[in-house]
């Protein structure tokens, strides 16, 4: 993966290439970005087609 110079310098500052921390940092950043994208898409889908009926709630199911 190629990074522009300012981004590469910042990454080197927070997660140096010589440490194992960089791979972990990049994996976590990718996971977070993908999760945020999925959440955003789901939010937009619900806005485009909201639930029109209230969710079914049966209080008897909550009694132990």
PDB file of N, CA and C in Angstrom:
ATOM      1  N   UNK A   1       0.849  -1.157   0.000  1.00  0.00           N
ATOM      2  CA  UNK A   1       0.000   0.000   0.000  1.00  0.00           C
ATOM      3  C   UNK A   1       0.904   1.233   0.000  1.00  0.00           C
ATOM      4  N   UNK A   2       0.584   2.172  -0.854  1.00  0.00           N
ATOM      5  CA  UNK A   2       1.355   3.408  -0.923  1.00  0.00           C
ATOM      6  C   UNK A   2       0.654   4.502  -0.136  1.00  0.00           C
ATOM      7  N   UNK A   3       1.452   5.270   0.592  1.00  0.00           N
ATOM      8  CA  UNK A   3       0.928   6.388   1.375  1.00  0.00           C
ATOM      9  C   UNK A   3       1.619   7.660   0.915  1.00  0.00           C
ATOM     10  N   UNK A   4       0.895   8.783   0.974  1.00  0.00           N
ATOM     11  CA  UNK A   4       1.570  10.039   0.670  1.00  0.00           C
ATOM     12  C   UNK A   4       2.535  10.358   1.815  1.00  0.00           C
ATOM     13  N   UNK A   5       3.472  11.232   1.553  1.00  0.00           N
ATOM     14  CA  UNK A   5       4.554  11.484   2.518  1.00  0.00           C
ATOM     15  C   UNK A   5       4.062  11.979   3.876  1.00  0.00           C
ATOM     16  N   UNK A   6       3.135  12.960   3.928  1.00  0.00           N
ATOM     17  CA  UNK A   6       2.664  13.403   5.258  1.00  0.00           C
ATOM     18  C   UNK A   6       1.994  12.271   6.052  1.00  0.00           C
ATOM     19  N   UNK A   7       1.199  11.459   5.381  1.00  0.00           N
ATOM     20  CA  UNK A   7       0.538  10.351   6.062  1.00  0.00           C
ATOM     21  C   UNK A   7       1.556   9.310   6.520  1.00  0.00           C
ATOM     22  N   UNK A   8       2.549   9.025   5.689  1.00  0.00           N
ATOM     23  CA  UNK A   8       3.598   8.061   6.053  1.00  0.00           C
ATOM     24  C   UNK A   8       4.387   8.553   7.270  1.00  0.00           C
ATOM     25  N   UNK A   9       4.693   9.842   7.333  1.00  0.00           N
ATOM     26  CA  UNK A   9       5.421  10.391   8.483  1.00  0.00           C
ATOM     27  C   UNK A   9       4.596  10.284   9.756  1.00  0.00           C
ATOM     28  N   UNK A  10       3.311  10.585   9.655  1.00  0.00           N
ATOM     29  CA  UNK A  10       2.446  10.505  10.836  1.00  0.00           C
ATOM     30  C   UNK A  10       2.314   9.066  11.316  1.00  0.00           C
ATOM     31  N   UNK A  11       2.158   8.144  10.373  1.00  0.00           N
ATOM     32  CA  UNK A  11       2.082   6.731  10.738  1.00  0.00           C
ATOM     33  C   UNK A  11       3.377   6.285  11.413  1.00  0.00           C
ATOM     34  N   UNK A  12       4.504   6.704  10.888  1.00  0.00           N
ATOM     35  CA  UNK A  12       5.803   6.350  11.473  1.00  0.00           C
ATOM     36  C   UNK A  12       5.913   6.888  12.896  1.00  0.00           C
ATOM     37  N   UNK A  13       5.339   8.079  13.119  1.00  0.00           N
ATOM     38  CA  UNK A  13       5.387   8.686  14.448  1.00  0.00           C
ATOM     39  C   UNK A  13       4.574   7.886  15.457  1.00  0.00           C
ATOM     40  N   UNK A  14       3.376   7.447  15.085  1.00  0.00           N
ATOM     41  CA  UNK A  14       2.497   6.756  16.041  1.00  0.00           C
ATOM     42  C   UNK A  14       2.716   5.253  16.081  1.00  0.00           C
ATOM     43  N   UNK A  15       3.194   4.678  14.982  1.00  0.00           N
ATOM     44  CA  UNK A  15       3.412   3.226  14.921  1.00  0.00           C
ATOM     45  C   UNK A  15       4.617   2.951  14.034  1.00  0.00           C
ATOM     46  N   UNK A  16       5.805   3.030  14.603  1.00  0.00           N
ATOM     47  CA  UNK A  16       7.025   2.844  13.810  1.00  0.00           C
ATOM     48  C   UNK A  16       7.069   1.503  13.078  1.00  0.00           C
ATOM     49  N   UNK A  17       7.627   1.521  11.877  1.00  0.00           N
ATOM     50  CA  UNK A  17       7.712   0.310  11.046  1.00  0.00           C
ATOM     51  C   UNK A  17       8.544  -0.767  11.726  1.00  0.00           C
ATOM     52  N   UNK A  18       9.501  -0.387  12.523  1.00  0.00           N
ATOM     53  CA  UNK A  18      10.376  -1.378  13.138  1.00  0.00           C
ATOM     54  C   UNK A  18       9.702  -2.105  14.306  1.00  0.00           C
ATOM     55  N   UNK A  19       8.527  -1.675  14.690  1.00  0.00           N
ATOM     56  CA  UNK A  19       7.821  -2.360  15.777  1.00  0.00           C
ATOM     57  C   UNK A  19       6.651  -3.154  15.218  1.00  0.00           C
ATOM     58  N   UNK A  20       6.222  -4.131  15.953  1.00  0.00           N
ATOM     59  CA  UNK A  20       5.052  -4.919  15.548  1.00  0.00           C
ATOM     60  C   UNK A  20       3.770  -4.102  15.711  1.00  0.00           C
ATOM     61  N   UNK A  21       3.895  -2.983  16.336  1.00  0.00           N
ATOM     62  CA  UNK A  21       2.741  -2.132  16.597  1.00  0.00           C
ATOM     63  C   UNK A  21       2.085  -1.618  15.317  1.00  0.00           C
ATOM     64  N   UNK A  22       2.852  -1.450  14.254  1.00  0.00           N
ATOM     65  CA  UNK A  22       2.301  -0.887  13.022  1.00  0.00           C
ATOM     66  C   UNK A  22       1.222  -1.796  12.430  1.00  0.00           C
ATOM     67  N   UNK A  23       1.493  -3.076  12.310  1.00  0.00           N
ATOM     68  CA  UNK A  23       0.501  -4.000  11.730  1.00  0.00           C
ATOM     69  C   UNK A  23      -0.782  -3.992  12.545  1.00  0.00           C
ATOM     70  N   UNK A  24      -0.637  -4.027  13.851  1.00  0.00           N
ATOM     71  CA  UNK A  24      -1.803  -3.997  14.731  1.00  0.00           C
ATOM     72  C   UNK A  24      -2.581  -2.694  14.569  1.00  0.00           C
ATOM     73  N   UNK A  25      -1.846  -1.579  14.484  1.00  0.00           N
ATOM     74  CA  UNK A  25      -2.466  -0.270  14.316  1.00  0.00           C
ATOM     75  C   UNK A  25      -3.241  -0.201  13.001  1.00  0.00           C
ATOM     76  N   UNK A  26      -2.635  -0.660  11.920  1.00  0.00           N
ATOM     77  CA  UNK A  26      -3.277  -0.608  10.601  1.00  0.00           C
ATOM     78  C   UNK A  26      -4.501  -1.516  10.574  1.00  0.00           C
ATOM     79  N   UNK A  27      -4.400  -2.722  11.142  1.00  0.00           N
ATOM     80  CA  UNK A  27      -5.566  -3.616  11.187  1.00  0.00           C
ATOM     81  C   UNK A  27      -6.717  -2.975  11.952  1.00  0.00           C
ATOM     82  N   UNK A  28      -6.408  -2.382  13.109  1.00  0.00           N
ATOM     83  CA  UNK A  28      -7.444  -1.737  13.921  1.00  0.00           C
ATOM     84  C   UNK A  28      -8.060  -0.551  13.177  1.00  0.00           C
ATOM     85  N   UNK A  29      -7.237   0.227  12.488  1.00  0.00           N
ATOM     86  CA  UNK A  29      -7.747   1.379  11.739  1.00  0.00           C
ATOM     87  C   UNK A  29      -8.660   0.932  10.602  1.00  0.00           C
ATOM     88  N   UNK A  30      -8.260  -0.116   9.904  1.00  0.00           N
ATOM     89  CA  UNK A  30      -9.100  -0.640   8.819  1.00  0.00           C
ATOM     90  C   UNK A  30     -10.414  -1.183   9.368  1.00  0.00           C
ATOM     91  N   UNK A  31     -10.352  -1.926  10.474  1.00  0.00           N
ATOM     92  CA  UNK A  31     -11.578  -2.477  11.072  1.00  0.00           C
ATOM     93  C   UNK A  31     -12.526  -1.358  11.461  1.00  0.00           C
ATOM     94  N   UNK A  32     -11.973  -0.318  12.103  1.00  0.00           N
ATOM     95  CA  UNK A  32     -12.807   0.807  12.531  1.00  0.00           C
ATOM     96  C   UNK A  32     -13.435   1.512  11.333  1.00  0.00           C
ATOM     97  N   UNK A  33     -12.645   1.746  10.292  1.00  0.00           N
ATOM     98  CA  UNK A  33     -13.163   2.423   9.098  1.00  0.00           C
ATOM     99  C   UNK A  33     -14.254   1.597   8.430  1.00  0.00           C
ATOM    100  N   UNK A  34     -14.049   0.292   8.332  1.00  0.00           N
ATOM    101  CA  UNK A  34     -15.056  -0.579   7.711  1.00  0.00           C
ATOM    102  C   UNK A  34     -16.323  -0.645   8.556  1.00  0.00           C
ATOM    103  N   UNK A  35     -16.174  -0.708   9.883  1.00  0.00           N
ATOM    104  CA  UNK A  35     -17.347  -0.719  10.768  1.00  0.00           C
ATOM    105  C   UNK A  35     -18.130   0.586  10.664  1.00  0.00           C
ATOM    106  N   UNK A  36     -17.407   1.709  10.627  1.00  0.00           N
ATOM    107  CA  UNK A  36     -18.076   3.009  10.498  1.00  0.00           C
ATOM    108  C   UNK A  36     -18.807   3.123   9.165  1.00  0.00           C
ATOM    109  N   UNK A  37     -18.222   2.602   8.109  1.00  0.00           N
ATOM    110  CA  UNK A  37     -18.871   2.618   6.803  1.00  0.00           C
ATOM    111  C   UNK A  37     -20.138   1.769   6.814  1.00  0.00           C
ATOM    112  N   UNK A  38     -20.067   0.583   7.412  1.00  0.00           N
ATOM    113  CA  UNK A  38     -21.246  -0.289   7.506  1.00  0.00           C
ATOM    114  C   UNK A  38     -22.341   0.382   8.327  1.00  0.00           C
ATOM    115  N   UNK A  39     -21.970   1.018   9.451  1.00  0.00           N
ATOM    116  CA  UNK A  39     -22.963   1.725  10.273  1.00  0.00           C
ATOM    117  C   UNK A  39     -23.611   2.861   9.492  1.00  0.00           C
ATOM    118  N   UNK A  40     -22.800   3.601   8.746  1.00  0.00           N
ATOM    119  CA  UNK A  40     -23.316   4.709   7.958  1.00  0.00           C
ATOM    120  C   UNK A  40     -24.289   4.225   6.887  1.00  0.00           C
ATOM    121  N   UNK A  41     -23.917   3.141   6.226  1.00  0.00           N
ATOM    122  CA  UNK A  41     -24.800   2.582   5.191  1.00  0.00           C
ATOM    123  C   UNK A  41     -26.110   2.092   5.798  1.00  0.00           C
ATOM    124  N   UNK A  42     -26.037   1.463   6.976  1.00  0.00           N
ATOM    125  CA  UNK A  42     -27.252   0.981   7.625  1.00  0.00           C
ATOM    126  C   UNK A  42     -28.142   2.151   8.042  1.00  0.00           C
ATOM    127  N   UNK A  43     -27.527   3.204   8.569  1.00  0.00           N
ATOM    128  CA  UNK A  43     -28.286   4.392   8.954  1.00  0.00           C
ATOM    129  C   UNK A  43     -29.008   4.983   7.748  1.00  0.00           C
ATOM    130  N   UNK A  44     -28.306   5.099   6.637  1.00  0.00           N
ATOM    131  CA  UNK A  44     -28.916   5.637   5.420  1.00  0.00           C
ATOM    132  C   UNK A  44     -30.041   4.732   4.910  1.00  0.00           C
ATOM    133  N   UNK A  45     -29.860   3.427   5.013  1.00  0.00           N
ATOM    134  CA  UNK A  45     -30.901   2.490   4.580  1.00  0.00           C
ATOM    135  C   UNK A  45     -32.156   2.651   5.434  1.00  0.00           C
ATOM    136  N   UNK A  46     -31.984   2.797   6.755  1.00  0.00           N
ATOM    137  CA  UNK A  46     -33.147   2.994   7.634  1.00  0.00           C
ATOM    138  C   UNK A  46     -33.816   4.343   7.378  1.00  0.00           C
ATOM    139  N   UNK A  47     -33.027   5.359   7.037  1.00  0.00           N
ATOM    140  CA  UNK A  47     -33.628   6.657   6.711  1.00  0.00           C
ATOM    141  C   UNK A  47     -34.425   6.572   5.415  1.00  0.00           C
ATOM    142  N   UNK A  48     -33.919   5.817   4.455  1.00  0.00           N
ATOM    143  CA  UNK A  48     -34.590   5.680   3.163  1.00  0.00           C
ATOM    144  C   UNK A  48     -35.844   4.819   3.270  1.00  0.00           C
ATOM    145  N   UNK A  49     -35.805   3.833   4.166  1.00  0.00           N
ATOM    146  CA  UNK A  49     -36.949   2.932   4.317  1.00  0.00           C
ATOM    147  C   UNK A  49     -37.136   2.629   5.802  1.00  0.00           C
ATOM    148  N   UNK A  50     -37.723   3.586   6.532  1.00  0.00           N
ATOM    149  CA  UNK A  50     -37.881   3.393   7.979  1.00  0.00           C
ATOM    150  C   UNK A  50     -38.919   2.321   8.307  1.00  0.00           C
ATOM    151  N   UNK A  51     -38.778   1.769   9.507  1.00  0.00           N
ATOM    152  CA  UNK A  51     -39.791   0.831   9.996  1.00  0.00           C
ATOM    153  C   UNK A  51     -41.096   1.603  10.162  1.00  0.00           C
ATOM    154  N   UNK A  52     -42.183   1.047   9.660  1.00  0.00           N
ATOM    155  CA  UNK A  52     -43.462   1.731   9.782  1.00  0.00           C
ATOM    156  C   UNK A  52     -44.304   1.168  10.908  1.00  0.00           C
ATOM    157  N   UNK A  53     -43.993  -0.040  11.340  1.00  0.00           N
ATOM    158  CA  UNK A  53     -44.709  -0.652  12.450  1.00  0.00           C
ATOM    159  C   UNK A  53     -43.791  -0.712  13.662  1.00  0.00           C
ATOM    160  N   UNK A  54     -44.364  -0.490  14.850  1.00  0.00           N
ATOM    161  CA  UNK A  54     -43.517  -0.620  16.037  1.00  0.00           C
ATOM    162  C   UNK A  54     -43.073  -2.076  16.209  1.00  0.00           C
ATOM    163  N   UNK A  55     -41.905  -2.234  16.791  1.00  0.00           N
ATOM    164  CA  UNK A  55     -41.400  -3.588  17.040  1.00  0.00           C
ATOM    165  C   UNK A  55     -42.322  -4.304  18.010  1.00  0.00           C
ATOM    166  N   UNK A  56     -42.518  -5.584  17.775  1.00  0.00           N
ATOM    167  CA  UNK A  56     -43.362  -6.378  18.659  1.00  0.00           C
ATOM    168  C   UNK A  56     -42.684  -6.504  20.010  1.00  0.00           C
ATOM    169  N   UNK A  57     -43.439  -6.264  21.055  1.00  0.00           N
ATOM    170  CA  UNK A  57     -42.896  -6.392  22.402  1.00  0.00           C
ATOM    171  C   UNK A  57     -43.864  -7.202  23.242  1.00  0.00           C
ATOM    172  N   UNK A  58     -43.384  -8.298  23.787  1.00  0.00           N
ATOM    173  CA  UNK A  58     -44.193  -9.137  24.669  1.00  0.00           C
ATOM    174  C   UNK A  58     -43.510  -9.157  26.021  1.00  0.00           C
ATOM    175  N   UNK A  59     -44.039  -8.430  27.005  1.00  0.00           N
ATOM    176  CA  UNK A  59     -43.379  -8.349  28.325  1.00  0.00           C
ATOM    177  C   UNK A  59     -43.245  -9.708  29.006  1.00  0.00           C
ATOM    178  N   UNK A  60     -44.077 -10.670  28.622  1.00  0.00           N
ATOM    179  CA  UNK A  60     -43.986 -12.008  29.249  1.00  0.00           C
ATOM    180  C   UNK A  60     -42.645 -12.667  28.934  1.00  0.00           C
ATOM    181  N   UNK A  61     -42.040 -12.296  27.811  1.00  0.00           N
ATOM    182  CA  UNK A  61     -40.748 -12.885  27.442  1.00  0.00           C
ATOM    183  C   UNK A  61     -39.622 -12.403  28.347  1.00  0.00           C
ATOM    184  N   UNK A  62     -39.825 -11.305  29.057  1.00  0.00           N
ATOM    185  CA  UNK A  62     -38.784 -10.737  29.905  1.00  0.00           C
ATOM    186  C   UNK A  62     -38.879 -11.233  31.348  1.00  0.00           C
ATOM    187  N   UNK A  63     -39.941 -11.944  31.675  1.00  0.00           N
ATOM    188  CA  UNK A  63     -40.117 -12.444  33.037  1.00  0.00           C
ATOM    189  C   UNK A  63     -39.400 -13.778  33.149  1.00  0.00           C
ATOM    190  N   UNK A  64     -38.533 -13.880  34.147  1.00  0.00           N
ATOM    191  CA  UNK A  64     -37.764 -15.128  34.334  1.00  0.00           C
ATOM    192  C   UNK A  64     -38.476 -16.044  35.294  1.00  0.00           C
TER     193      UNK A  64
END
